[in-house]
Amino acid sequence: MPAKRPTKASSRPAKAKPCPICGKPSTALAKPFCSDRCRDVDLNRWLSGSYAIPGRTNEDEDND
């Protein structure tokens, strides 16, 4: 019994996700970003504290 060939739909490369900073298609060298500039913008946002995970205030912890 011959092996099944993959269909055209399954042999297509996956569509590149857009850059999270500007929305352009990402590149392999800067993945998940489109360029070194967008990568640097993202790093600056992390280092400056623009990205933060919300937490409880100290008052909430004192009441326990």
Protein backbone atom coordinates (compact mmCIF):
# COMPACT_ATOMS: atom_id res chain seq x y z
CA MET A 1 0.00 0.00 0.00
CA PRO A 2 1.62 3.35 -1.03
CA ALA A 3 2.21 6.05 1.58
CA LYS A 4 -0.07 9.07 1.49
CA ARG A 5 1.38 12.33 0.27
CA PRO A 6 0.80 15.45 2.33
CA THR A 7 -1.91 17.69 0.97
CA LYS A 8 -1.08 21.15 -0.28
CA ALA A 9 -2.71 22.74 2.75
CA SER A 10 -0.44 20.86 5.17
CA SER A 11 2.75 21.46 3.17
CA ARG A 12 2.40 25.25 3.19
CA PRO A 13 4.65 27.12 5.61
CA ALA A 14 2.89 28.66 8.58
CA LYS A 15 2.04 32.32 8.17
CA ALA A 16 4.44 34.56 10.11
CA LYS A 17 2.93 36.23 13.14
CA PRO A 18 3.00 40.02 13.10
CA CYS A 19 5.56 42.01 15.06
CA PRO A 20 4.09 42.82 18.51
CA ILE A 21 5.43 46.39 18.31
CA CYS A 22 4.48 47.62 14.81
CA GLY A 23 2.39 44.82 13.27
CA LYS A 24 4.64 44.13 10.26
CA PRO A 25 5.49 40.49 9.45
CA SER A 26 8.25 39.11 11.69
CA THR A 27 11.63 38.05 10.30
CA ALA A 28 13.69 34.99 11.15
CA LEU A 29 16.65 37.08 12.37
CA ALA A 30 14.64 39.24 14.78
CA LYS A 31 11.81 36.81 15.62
CA PRO A 32 9.21 37.57 16.98
CA PHE A 33 9.95 41.14 15.88
CA CYS A 34 10.35 42.55 12.37
CA SER A 35 13.64 44.35 12.99
CA ASP A 36 16.33 45.14 15.53
CA ARG A 37 14.64 48.50 16.10
CA CYS A 38 11.39 46.89 17.29
CA ARG A 39 13.40 44.46 19.42
CA ASP A 40 15.15 47.43 21.07
CA VAL A 41 11.84 49.25 21.61
CA ASP A 42 10.52 46.17 23.43
CA LEU A 43 13.68 45.87 25.55
CA ASN A 44 13.42 49.56 26.50
CA ARG A 45 9.81 49.05 27.59
CA TRP A 46 10.88 46.16 29.87
CA LEU A 47 13.83 48.09 31.33
CA SER A 48 11.85 51.29 31.92
CA GLY A 49 9.05 49.44 33.73
CA SER A 50 6.35 50.00 31.10
CA TYR A 51 5.56 46.29 31.26
CA ALA A 52 4.54 45.28 34.76
CA ILE A 53 2.63 42.48 36.39
CA PRO A 54 0.02 43.86 38.77
CA GLY A 55 0.28 42.68 42.33
CA ARG A 56 -1.39 43.19 45.67
CA THR A 57 -0.64 46.27 47.75
CA ASN A 58 1.23 45.97 51.05
CA GLU A 59 -1.97 46.78 52.96
CA ASP A 60 -3.59 43.57 51.68
CA GLU A 61 -0.66 41.50 52.99
CA ASP A 62 -0.75 43.16 56.46
CA ASN A 63 -4.41 42.21 56.99
CA ASP A 64 -3.77 38.46 56.69
